[in-house]
C-alpha atoms as a PDB file:
ATOM      1  CA  MET A   1     151.333 173.996-110.605  1.00  0.00           C
ATOM      2  CA  GLY A   2     151.835 176.171-113.664  1.00  0.00           C
ATOM      3  CA  GLU A   3     149.073 178.175-115.267  1.00  0.00           C
ATOM      4  CA  SER A   4     146.262 178.038-112.732  1.00  0.00           C
ATOM      5  CA  THR A   5     146.005 177.001-109.108  1.00  0.00           C
ATOM      6  CA  ALA A   6     142.714 178.703-108.159  1.00  0.00           C
ATOM      7  CA  ILE A   7     140.419 176.793-110.527  1.00  0.00           C
ATOM      8  CA  ALA A   8     140.311 173.017-110.916  1.00  0.00           C
ATOM      9  CA  ASN A   9     139.495 171.804-114.410  1.00  0.00           C
ATOM     10  CA  ALA A  10     137.817 168.474-115.168  1.00  0.00           C
ATOM     11  CA  MET A  11     140.087 165.679-116.380  1.00  0.00           C
ATOM     12  CA  THR A  12     138.129 163.075-118.336  1.00  0.00           C
ATOM     13  CA  VAL A  13     138.893 159.860-120.217  1.00  0.00           C
ATOM     14  CA  ASP A  14     136.639 158.309-122.862  1.00  0.00           C
ATOM     15  CA  VAL A  15     137.349 154.614-122.290  1.00  0.00           C
ATOM     16  CA  GLU A  16     137.181 152.869-125.654  1.00  0.00           C
ATOM     17  CA  ASP A  17     139.663 150.900-127.743  1.00  0.00           C
ATOM     18  CA  TYR A  18     141.285 152.109-130.942  1.00  0.00           C
ATOM     19  CA  PHE A  19     139.126 149.950-133.220  1.00  0.00           C
ATOM     20  CA  GLN A  20     135.872 151.390-131.838  1.00  0.00           C
ATOM     21  CA  VAL A  21     136.332 155.024-132.862  1.00  0.00           C
ATOM     22  CA  GLN A  22     134.281 156.892-135.430  1.00  0.00           C
ATOM     23  CA  ALA A  23     137.271 157.529-137.700  1.00  0.00           C
ATOM     24  CA  LEU A  24     137.787 153.774-138.214  1.00  0.00           C
ATOM     25  CA  SER A  25     134.119 152.746-138.441  1.00  0.00           C
ATOM     26  CA  SER A  26     134.147 152.686-142.249  1.00  0.00           C
ATOM     27  CA  VAL A  27     136.668 149.826-142.321  1.00  0.00           C
ATOM     28  CA  ILE A  28     136.130 147.976-138.994  1.00  0.00           C
ATOM     29  CA  ALA A  29     132.673 146.483-138.585  1.00  0.00           C
ATOM     30  CA  ARG A  30     131.022 146.221-135.185  1.00  0.00           C
ATOM     31  CA  ALA A  31     130.654 142.470-135.782  1.00  0.00           C
ATOM     32  CA  ASP A  32     134.451 142.133-135.958  1.00  0.00           C
ATOM     33  CA  TRP A  33     135.256 143.668-132.564  1.00  0.00           C
ATOM     34  CA  ASP A  34     135.448 140.409-130.644  1.00  0.00           C
ATOM     35  CA  GLY A  35     138.100 139.123-133.016  1.00  0.00           C
ATOM     36  CA  ILE A  36     140.465 142.056-132.410  1.00  0.00           C
ATOM     37  CA  ALA A  37     142.981 142.047-129.579  1.00  0.00           C
ATOM     38  CA  CYS A  38     142.125 144.749-127.053  1.00  0.00           C
ATOM     39  CA  ARG A  39     144.787 147.231-125.975  1.00  0.00           C
ATOM     40  CA  VAL A  40     142.601 149.363-123.728  1.00  0.00           C
ATOM     41  CA  GLU A  41     143.511 147.813-120.376  1.00  0.00           C
ATOM     42  CA  ASP A  42     147.240 148.446-120.761  1.00  0.00           C
ATOM     43  CA  ASN A  43     146.621 151.986-121.971  1.00  0.00           C
ATOM     44  CA  VAL A  44     144.233 152.782-119.121  1.00  0.00           C
ATOM     45  CA  ALA A  45     146.859 151.446-116.698  1.00  0.00           C
ATOM     46  CA  ARG A  46     149.364 153.896-118.165  1.00  0.00           C
ATOM     47  CA  LEU A  47     146.916 156.761-117.707  1.00  0.00           C
ATOM     48  CA  LEU A  48     146.157 155.707-114.139  1.00  0.00           C
ATOM     49  CA  ASP A  49     149.867 155.636-113.332  1.00  0.00           C
ATOM     50  CA  ARG A  50     150.352 159.128-114.748  1.00  0.00           C
ATOM     51  CA  PHE A  51     147.357 160.483-112.871  1.00  0.00           C
ATOM     52  CA  ALA A  52     148.577 158.912-109.624  1.00  0.00           C
ATOM     53  CA  ALA A  53     152.046 160.402-110.055  1.00  0.00           C
ATOM     54  CA  ALA A  54     150.500 163.842-110.567  1.00  0.00           C
ATOM     55  CA  GLY A  55     147.974 163.470-107.745  1.00  0.00           C
ATOM     56  CA  VAL A  56     145.070 163.875-110.197  1.00  0.00           C
ATOM     57  CA  ARG A  57     141.604 162.341-110.009  1.00  0.00           C
ATOM     58  CA  GLY A  58     139.354 162.329-113.063  1.00  0.00           C
ATOM     59  CA  THR A  59     136.198 160.944-114.639  1.00  0.00           C
ATOM     60  CA  PHE A  60     136.289 157.833-116.828  1.00  0.00           C
ATOM     61  CA  PHE A  61     133.406 157.715-119.315  1.00  0.00           C
ATOM     62  CA  THR A  62     133.433 153.991-120.030  1.00  0.00           C
ATOM     63  CA  LEU A  63     131.792 151.816-122.681  1.00  0.00           C
ATOM     64  CA  GLY A  64     129.687 149.004-121.272  1.00  0.00           C
ATOM     65  CA  TRP A  65     131.207 146.672-123.900  1.00  0.00           C
ATOM     66  CA  ILE A  66     134.667 147.431-122.509  1.00  0.00           C
ATOM     67  CA  ALA A  67     133.581 147.110-118.871  1.00  0.00           C
ATOM     68  CA  GLU A  68     132.131 143.637-119.434  1.00  0.00           C
ATOM     69  CA  ARG A  69     135.422 142.412-120.874  1.00  0.00           C
ATOM     70  CA  HIS A  70     137.729 144.240-118.458  1.00  0.00           C
ATOM     71  CA  PRO A  71     136.029 144.296-115.036  1.00  0.00           C
ATOM     72  CA  ALA A  72     139.334 144.394-113.129  1.00  0.00           C
ATOM     73  CA  MET A  73     140.248 147.581-114.992  1.00  0.00           C
ATOM     74  CA  VAL A  74     136.939 149.182-113.991  1.00  0.00           C
ATOM     75  CA  ARG A  75     137.486 148.251-110.368  1.00  0.00           C
ATOM     76  CA  ARG A  76     141.015 149.680-110.490  1.00  0.00           C
ATOM     77  CA  ILE A  77     139.624 152.982-111.799  1.00  0.00           C
ATOM     78  CA  VAL A  78     137.174 153.179-108.902  1.00  0.00           C
ATOM     79  CA  ALA A  79     139.728 152.050-106.303  1.00  0.00           C
ATOM     80  CA  ALA A  80     142.064 154.850-107.379  1.00  0.00           C
ATOM     81  CA  GLY A  81     139.404 157.434-106.524  1.00  0.00           C
ATOM     82  CA  HIS A  82     138.219 158.330-110.008  1.00  0.00           C
ATOM     83  CA  GLU A  83     134.602 158.884-111.012  1.00  0.00           C
ATOM     84  CA  LEU A  84     133.047 156.120-113.104  1.00  0.00           C
ATOM     85  CA  ALA A  85     130.645 157.359-115.777  1.00  0.00           C
ATOM     86  CA  SER A  86     128.896 156.067-118.894  1.00  0.00           C
ATOM     87  CA  HIS A  87     129.892 156.333-122.549  1.00  0.00           C
ATOM     88  CA  GLY A  88     127.052 154.109-123.746  1.00  0.00           C
ATOM     89  CA  TYR A  89     127.335 150.405-124.454  1.00  0.00           C
ATOM     90  CA  ASP A  90     129.140 150.059-127.786  1.00  0.00           C
ATOM     91  CA  HIS A  91     129.784 153.533-129.177  1.00  0.00           C
ATOM     92  CA  ILE A  92     126.667 153.884-131.300  1.00  0.00           C
ATOM     93  CA  ARG A  93     125.974 157.525-132.076  1.00  0.00           C
ATOM     94  CA  VAL A  94     122.883 158.818-130.282  1.00  0.00           C
ATOM     95  CA  ASP A  95     121.618 160.484-133.455  1.00  0.00           C
ATOM     96  CA  ARG A  96     121.344 157.006-135.020  1.00  0.00           C
ATOM     97  CA  LEU A  97     119.042 155.728-132.260  1.00  0.00           C
ATOM     98  CA  ASP A  98     115.396 156.316-131.455  1.00  0.00           C
ATOM     99  CA  PRO A  99     114.377 157.190-127.875  1.00  0.00           C
ATOM    100  CA  ALA A 100     113.512 153.602-126.932  1.00  0.00           C
ATOM    101  CA  SER A 101     116.799 152.205-128.268  1.00  0.00           C
ATOM    102  CA  PHE A 102     118.752 154.951-126.547  1.00  0.00           C
ATOM    103  CA  ALA A 103     116.985 154.292-123.243  1.00  0.00           C
ATOM    104  CA  ALA A 104     117.857 150.603-123.490  1.00  0.00           C
ATOM    105  CA  ASP A 105     121.501 151.397-124.309  1.00  0.00           C
ATOM    106  CA  ILE A 106     122.103 153.773-121.412  1.00  0.00           C
ATOM    107  CA  ALA A 107     120.130 151.701-118.895  1.00  0.00           C
ATOM    108  CA  ARG A 108     122.124 148.597-119.821  1.00  0.00           C
ATOM    109  CA  THR A 109     125.417 150.450-119.527  1.00  0.00           C
ATOM    110  CA  LYS A 110     124.541 152.048-116.204  1.00  0.00           C
ATOM    111  CA  THR A 111     123.656 148.654-114.744  1.00  0.00           C
ATOM    112  CA  ILE A 112     126.871 147.040-116.011  1.00  0.00           C
ATOM    113  CA  LEU A 113     129.098 149.814-114.660  1.00  0.00           C
ATOM    114  CA  GLU A 114     127.384 149.994-111.278  1.00  0.00           C
ATOM    115  CA  GLN A 115     127.477 146.251-110.775  1.00  0.00           C
ATOM    116  CA  ILE A 116     131.161 145.979-111.682  1.00  0.00           C
ATOM    117  CA  GLY A 117     132.357 149.220-110.095  1.00  0.00           C
ATOM    118  CA  GLY A 118     130.183 149.091-106.985  1.00  0.00           C
ATOM    119  CA  VAL A 119     129.418 152.830-107.233  1.00  0.00           C
ATOM    120  CA  ALA A 120     126.538 154.931-108.514  1.00  0.00           C
ATOM    121  CA  VAL A 121     126.935 156.269-112.066  1.00  0.00           C
ATOM    122  CA  ALA A 122     125.694 159.836-112.488  1.00  0.00           C
ATOM    123  CA  GLY A 123     127.375 161.069-115.680  1.00  0.00           C
ATOM    124  CA  TYR A 124     127.119 160.321-119.379  1.00  0.00           C
ATOM    125  CA  ARG A 125     129.020 161.349-122.498  1.00  0.00           C
ATOM    126  CA  ALA A 126     127.590 160.580-125.923  1.00  0.00           C
ATOM    127  CA  PRO A 127     129.843 158.782-128.404  1.00  0.00           C
ATOM    128  CA  THR A 128     131.251 161.331-130.868  1.00  0.00           C
ATOM    129  CA  PHE A 129     129.382 164.139-129.036  1.00  0.00           C
ATOM    130  CA  SER A 130     126.251 163.013-130.878  1.00  0.00           C
ATOM    131  CA  ILE A 131     123.604 164.910-128.924  1.00  0.00           C
ATOM    132  CA  ASN A 132     122.666 168.001-130.894  1.00  0.00           C
ATOM    133  CA  GLN A 133     119.734 170.078-132.138  1.00  0.00           C
ATOM    134  CA  ARG A 134     118.258 167.053-133.946  1.00  0.00           C
ATOM    135  CA  ASN A 135     117.830 164.856-130.867  1.00  0.00           C
ATOM    136  CA  PRO A 136     117.154 167.025-127.780  1.00  0.00           C
ATOM    137  CA  TRP A 137     114.872 164.250-126.532  1.00  0.00           C
ATOM    138  CA  ALA A 138     118.060 162.465-125.410  1.00  0.00           C
ATOM    139  CA  PHE A 139     118.343 164.693-122.339  1.00  0.00           C
ATOM    140  CA  SER A 140     114.919 163.652-121.021  1.00  0.00           C
ATOM    141  CA  VAL A 141     115.729 159.992-121.630  1.00  0.00           C
ATOM    142  CA  LEU A 142     118.979 160.349-119.683  1.00  0.00           C
ATOM    143  CA  ALA A 143     117.134 161.884-116.736  1.00  0.00           C
ATOM    144  CA  GLU A 144     114.478 159.159-116.857  1.00  0.00           C
ATOM    145  CA  GLN A 145     117.217 156.517-116.648  1.00  0.00           C
ATOM    146  CA  GLY A 146     118.717 158.055-113.509  1.00  0.00           C
ATOM    147  CA  TYR A 147     121.588 160.122-114.894  1.00  0.00           C
ATOM    148  CA  ARG A 148     122.265 163.474-113.255  1.00  0.00           C
ATOM    149  CA  TYR A 149     124.436 165.122-115.888  1.00  0.00           C
ATOM    150  CA  SER A 150     125.616 164.846-119.461  1.00  0.00           C
ATOM    151  CA  SER A 151     128.819 166.112-121.067  1.00  0.00           C
ATOM    152  CA  SER A 152     127.833 165.444-124.660  1.00  0.00           C
ATOM    153  CA  VAL A 153     127.459 168.769-126.447  1.00  0.00           C
ATOM    154  CA  TYR A 154     130.380 170.410-128.258  1.00  0.00           C
ATOM    155  CA  PRO A 155     129.438 174.015-129.159  1.00  0.00           C
ATOM    156  CA  ILE A 156     131.520 174.132-132.366  1.00  0.00           C
ATOM    157  CA  HIS A 157     131.172 173.542-136.107  1.00  0.00           C
ATOM    158  CA  HIS A 158     132.527 170.125-137.134  1.00  0.00           C
ATOM    159  CA  ASP A 159     131.693 167.686-139.908  1.00  0.00           C
ATOM    160  CA  LEU A 160     131.031 164.804-137.474  1.00  0.00           C
ATOM    161  CA  TYR A 161     129.432 166.625-134.536  1.00  0.00           C
ATOM    162  CA  GLY A 162     128.790 170.018-133.030  1.00  0.00           C
ATOM    163  CA  MET A 163     126.060 172.319-131.786  1.00  0.00           C
ATOM    164  CA  PRO A 164     127.572 175.807-132.175  1.00  0.00           C
ATOM    165  CA  GLU A 165     124.433 177.591-130.992  1.00  0.00           C
ATOM    166  CA  ALA A 166     124.476 175.786-127.631  1.00  0.00           C
ATOM    167  CA  PRO A 167     125.606 177.622-124.480  1.00  0.00           C
ATOM    168  CA  ARG A 168     129.306 177.449-123.710  1.00  0.00           C
ATOM    169  CA  THR A 169     128.651 177.107-119.980  1.00  0.00           C
ATOM    170  CA  PRO A 170     126.734 174.425-118.028  1.00  0.00           C
ATOM    171  CA  PHE A 171     122.991 174.645-118.569  1.00  0.00           C
ATOM    172  CA  ARG A 172     119.844 172.884-117.488  1.00  0.00           C
ATOM    173  CA  THR A 173     118.091 171.092-120.309  1.00  0.00           C
ATOM    174  CA  ALA A 174     114.661 172.247-121.493  1.00  0.00           C
ATOM    175  CA  ASP A 175     112.702 170.154-118.979  1.00  0.00           C
ATOM    176  CA  GLY A 176     115.076 171.122-116.167  1.00  0.00           C
ATOM    177  CA  ALA A 177     115.736 167.507-115.246  1.00  0.00           C
ATOM    178  CA  LEU A 178     119.396 167.276-116.289  1.00  0.00           C
ATOM    179  CA  TRP A 179     122.552 169.358-116.389  1.00  0.00           C
ATOM    180  CA  GLU A 180     124.451 169.487-119.666  1.00  0.00           C
ATOM    181  CA  ILE A 181     128.103 170.411-119.135  1.00  0.00           C
ATOM    182  CA  PRO A 182     129.367 171.228-122.643  1.00  0.00           C
ATOM    183  CA  MET A 183     132.863 170.652-123.907  1.00  0.00           C
ATOM    184  CA  THR A 184     135.228 173.579-123.478  1.00  0.00           C
ATOM    185  CA  THR A 185     135.551 176.287-126.077  1.00  0.00           C
ATOM    186  CA  ILE A 186     137.094 179.724-126.115  1.00  0.00           C
ATOM    187  CA  ARG A 187     135.405 182.636-127.856  1.00  0.00           C
ATOM    188  CA  LEU A 188     137.552 184.422-130.437  1.00  0.00           C
ATOM    189  CA  LEU A 189     136.564 186.732-133.302  1.00  0.00           C
ATOM    190  CA  GLY A 190     132.915 185.809-132.942  1.00  0.00           C
ATOM    191  CA  ARG A 191     133.508 182.052-133.097  1.00  0.00           C
ATOM    192  CA  ASN A 192     133.740 179.188-130.620  1.00  0.00           C
ATOM    193  CA  LEU A 193     137.117 177.485-130.890  1.00  0.00           C
ATOM    194  CA  PRO A 194     137.719 173.985-129.429  1.00  0.00           C
ATOM    195  CA  CYS A 195     139.797 173.774-126.260  1.00  0.00           C
ATOM    196  CA  ALA A 196     138.901 170.401-124.758  1.00  0.00           C
ATOM    197  CA  GLY A 197     141.449 167.859-125.937  1.00  0.00           C
ATOM    198  CA  GLY A 198     141.079 164.924-128.306  1.00  0.00           C
ATOM    199  CA  GLY A 199     142.412 165.348-131.824  1.00  0.00           C
ATOM    200  CA  TYR A 200     142.826 169.083-131.407  1.00  0.00           C
ATOM    201  CA  PHE A 201     145.182 168.494-128.491  1.00  0.00           C
ATOM    202  CA  ARG A 202     147.347 166.254-130.662  1.00  0.00           C
ATOM    203  CA  LEU A 203     147.227 168.556-133.677  1.00  0.00           C
ATOM    204  CA  LEU A 204     147.801 172.013-132.177  1.00  0.00           C
ATOM    205  CA  PRO A 205     151.054 173.136-130.582  1.00  0.00           C
ATOM    206  CA  TYR A 206     150.899 172.513-126.840  1.00  0.00           C
ATOM    207  CA  ARG A 207     151.609 176.179-126.155  1.00  0.00           C
ATOM    208  CA  LEU A 208     148.397 177.255-127.936  1.00  0.00           C
ATOM    209  CA  PHE A 209     146.267 174.748-126.070  1.00  0.00           C
ATOM    210  CA  ARG A 210     147.749 175.842-122.735  1.00  0.00           C
ATOM    211  CA  GLN A 211     147.096 179.487-123.558  1.00  0.00           C
ATOM    212  CA  GLY A 212     143.474 178.754-124.406  1.00  0.00           C
ATOM    213  CA  LEU A 213     142.744 176.897-121.178  1.00  0.00           C
ATOM    214  CA  ALA A 214     144.625 179.475-119.104  1.00  0.00           C
ATOM    215  CA  ARG A 215     142.548 182.217-120.736  1.00  0.00           C
ATOM    216  CA  LEU A 216     139.340 180.409-119.753  1.00  0.00           C
ATOM    217  CA  ASN A 217     140.511 180.052-116.139  1.00  0.00           C
ATOM    218  CA  ARG A 218     141.858 183.574-115.774  1.00  0.00           C
ATOM    219  CA  GLN A 219     139.560 185.742-117.882  1.00  0.00           C
ATOM    220  CA  GLU A 220     136.266 183.867-117.651  1.00  0.00           C
ATOM    221  CA  ARG A 221     137.027 182.541-114.150  1.00  0.00           C
ATOM    222  CA  ARG A 222     135.548 179.137-114.839  1.00  0.00           C
ATOM    223  CA  ALA A 223     136.609 175.520-115.194  1.00  0.00           C
ATOM    224  CA  GLY A 224     137.309 173.743-118.447  1.00  0.00           C
ATOM    225  CA  ILE A 225     136.977 170.095-119.465  1.00  0.00           C
ATOM    226  CA  PHE A 226     139.793 168.059-120.997  1.00  0.00           C
ATOM    227  CA  TYR A 227     139.245 164.659-122.587  1.00  0.00           C
ATOM    228  CA  ILE A 228     141.572 161.980-123.865  1.00  0.00           C
ATOM    229  CA  HIS A 229     141.182 158.425-125.157  1.00  0.00           C
ATOM    230  CA  PRO A 230     143.451 155.612-123.930  1.00  0.00           C
ATOM    231  CA  TRP A 231     144.498 154.838-127.518  1.00  0.00           C
ATOM    232  CA  GLU A 232     145.839 158.389-127.902  1.00  0.00           C
ATOM    233  CA  ILE A 233     148.900 157.506-125.803  1.00  0.00           C
ATOM    234  CA  ASP A 234     149.458 154.278-127.752  1.00  0.00           C
ATOM    235  CA  ALA A 235     151.734 155.089-130.677  1.00  0.00           C
ATOM    236  CA  ALA A 236     152.395 151.363-131.231  1.00  0.00           C
ATOM    237  CA  GLN A 237     148.768 150.505-131.981  1.00  0.00           C
ATOM    238  CA  PRO A 238     148.113 148.667-135.277  1.00  0.00           C
ATOM    239  CA  ARG A 239     147.796 150.802-138.401  1.00  0.00           C
ATOM    240  CA  VAL A 240     144.466 150.074-140.048  1.00  0.00           C
ATOM    241  CA  ALA A 241     144.439 149.884-143.839  1.00  0.00           C
ATOM    242  CA  GLY A 242     141.817 151.337-146.144  1.00  0.00           C
ATOM    243  CA  LEU A 243     141.159 154.618-144.340  1.00  0.00           C
ATOM    244  CA  SER A 244     140.503 157.861-146.140  1.00  0.00           C
ATOM    245  CA  ARG A 245     143.271 160.433-145.925  1.00  0.00           C
ATOM    246  CA  ARG A 246     141.188 162.538-143.528  1.00  0.00           C
ATOM    247  CA  ALA A 247     140.370 159.618-141.226  1.00  0.00           C
ATOM    248  CA  ARG A 248     143.977 158.421-141.204  1.00  0.00           C
ATOM    249  CA  PHE A 249     145.222 161.908-140.298  1.00  0.00           C
ATOM    250  CA  ARG A 250     142.635 162.416-137.571  1.00  0.00           C
ATOM    251  CA  HIS A 251     143.373 159.143-135.865  1.00  0.00           C
ATOM    252  CA  TYR A 252     147.154 158.905-136.093  1.00  0.00           C
ATOM    253  CA  VAL A 253     148.427 162.488-136.034  1.00  0.00           C
ATOM    254  CA  ASN A 254     151.052 163.040-133.314  1.00  0.00           C
ATOM    255  CA  LEU A 255     150.241 159.911-131.278  1.00  0.00           C
ATOM    256  CA  ALA A 256     153.879 159.648-130.239  1.00  0.00           C
ATOM    257  CA  GLN A 257     153.759 163.112-128.628  1.00  0.00           C
ATOM    258  CA  THR A 258     150.499 162.787-126.716  1.00  0.00           C
ATOM    259  CA  ALA A 259     151.788 161.152-123.524  1.00  0.00           C
ATOM    260  CA  GLY A 260     154.435 163.829-123.081  1.00  0.00           C
ATOM    261  CA  ARG A 261     151.950 166.609-123.705  1.00  0.00           C
ATOM    262  CA  LEU A 262     149.563 165.081-121.203  1.00  0.00           C
ATOM    263  CA  GLU A 263     152.239 165.015-118.515  1.00  0.00           C
ATOM    264  CA  ARG A 264     152.892 168.729-119.100  1.00  0.00           C
ATOM    265  CA  LEU A 265     149.168 169.435-118.921  1.00  0.00           C
ATOM    266  CA  LEU A 266     148.846 167.586-115.611  1.00  0.00           C
ATOM    267  CA  ARG A 267     151.617 169.801-114.191  1.00  0.00           C
ATOM    268  CA  ASP A 268     150.426 173.069-115.686  1.00  0.00           C
ATOM    269  CA  PHE A 269     146.841 173.082-114.371  1.00  0.00           C
ATOM    270  CA  ALA A 270     144.735 171.910-111.446  1.00  0.00           C
ATOM    271  CA  TRP A 271     142.487 168.912-112.164  1.00  0.00           C
ATOM    272  CA  ASP A 272     139.664 166.929-110.567  1.00  0.00           C
ATOM    273  CA  ARG A 273     136.624 164.758-111.314  1.00  0.00           C
ATOM    274  CA  MET A 274     133.584 166.091-113.181  1.00  0.00           C
ATOM    275  CA  ASP A 275     131.273 165.553-110.224  1.00  0.00           C
ATOM    276  CA  ARG A 276     133.526 167.626-107.955  1.00  0.00           C
ATOM    277  CA  VAL A 277     134.486 170.361-110.415  1.00  0.00           C
ATOM    278  CA  PHE A 278     130.794 170.989-111.186  1.00  0.00           C
ATOM    279  CA  ALA A 279     129.459 170.118-107.737  1.00  0.00           C
ATOM    280  CA  ALA A 280     127.675 173.473-107.376  1.00  0.00           C
ATOM    281  CA  GLN A 281     125.575 172.871-110.465  1.00  0.00           C
ATOM    282  CA  LEU A 282     124.840 169.242-109.623  1.00  0.00           C
ATOM    283  CA  ALA A 283     123.699 170.195-106.121  1.00  0.00           C
ATOM    284  CA  ALA A 284     121.236 172.764-107.452  1.00  0.00           C
END
């Protein structure tokens, strides 16, 4: 193990296919999804193989839409010892739903995952980190539907998401019924800087990302969260036409390097599932 052996960080996967992401939503309609060949099962298999080789267990935040179409993949995730968690049914942003629609979405997904996986689902991550200051009611709805924690808030400024005023550490929501475990940031020059994976992991030099996570472990003495999508290790995925320059850059930058960077990350830090890394909070 490289940078840190004393603190286990949370390894997480947002299980969705390339055509379901926010960056491509302007050119791929939800109604067209069933006509597109899925690549998610092969990519999840590649991630599972890498995790097994490194002795790592993680948390797979999975779309209900994906689980229905790939039940064997879901069962393989569970059989390998990973935590199964919810990413909502079909990647609709929470801030585009009302409380009743959100309740129906997360209840449906929880039922699908539990029936296929044969395990209880405790965790949830909002598509595109879309729980923020405009929809705090989402936390109460999650608790009402039987979820124990959320990992949906990113305490940064971003044009698509972000809640920079939120705590950087796990916190109980206003009604005390749910734990929110926010995405990892480091504090520098009075600002929260992202250090949780995704596009930033592909864009920034690996050395800088490693330094940021090591700083969190060593100086703040606490665990971080890393997230990756299966499509981020799939450099051969189809190139979608009609994207804006920003969307094209965000989605495709450095895809060919991501698998190698992930393997380094698995070696350089200690990793485990969300429910075990944050067991002390969830037991409280």
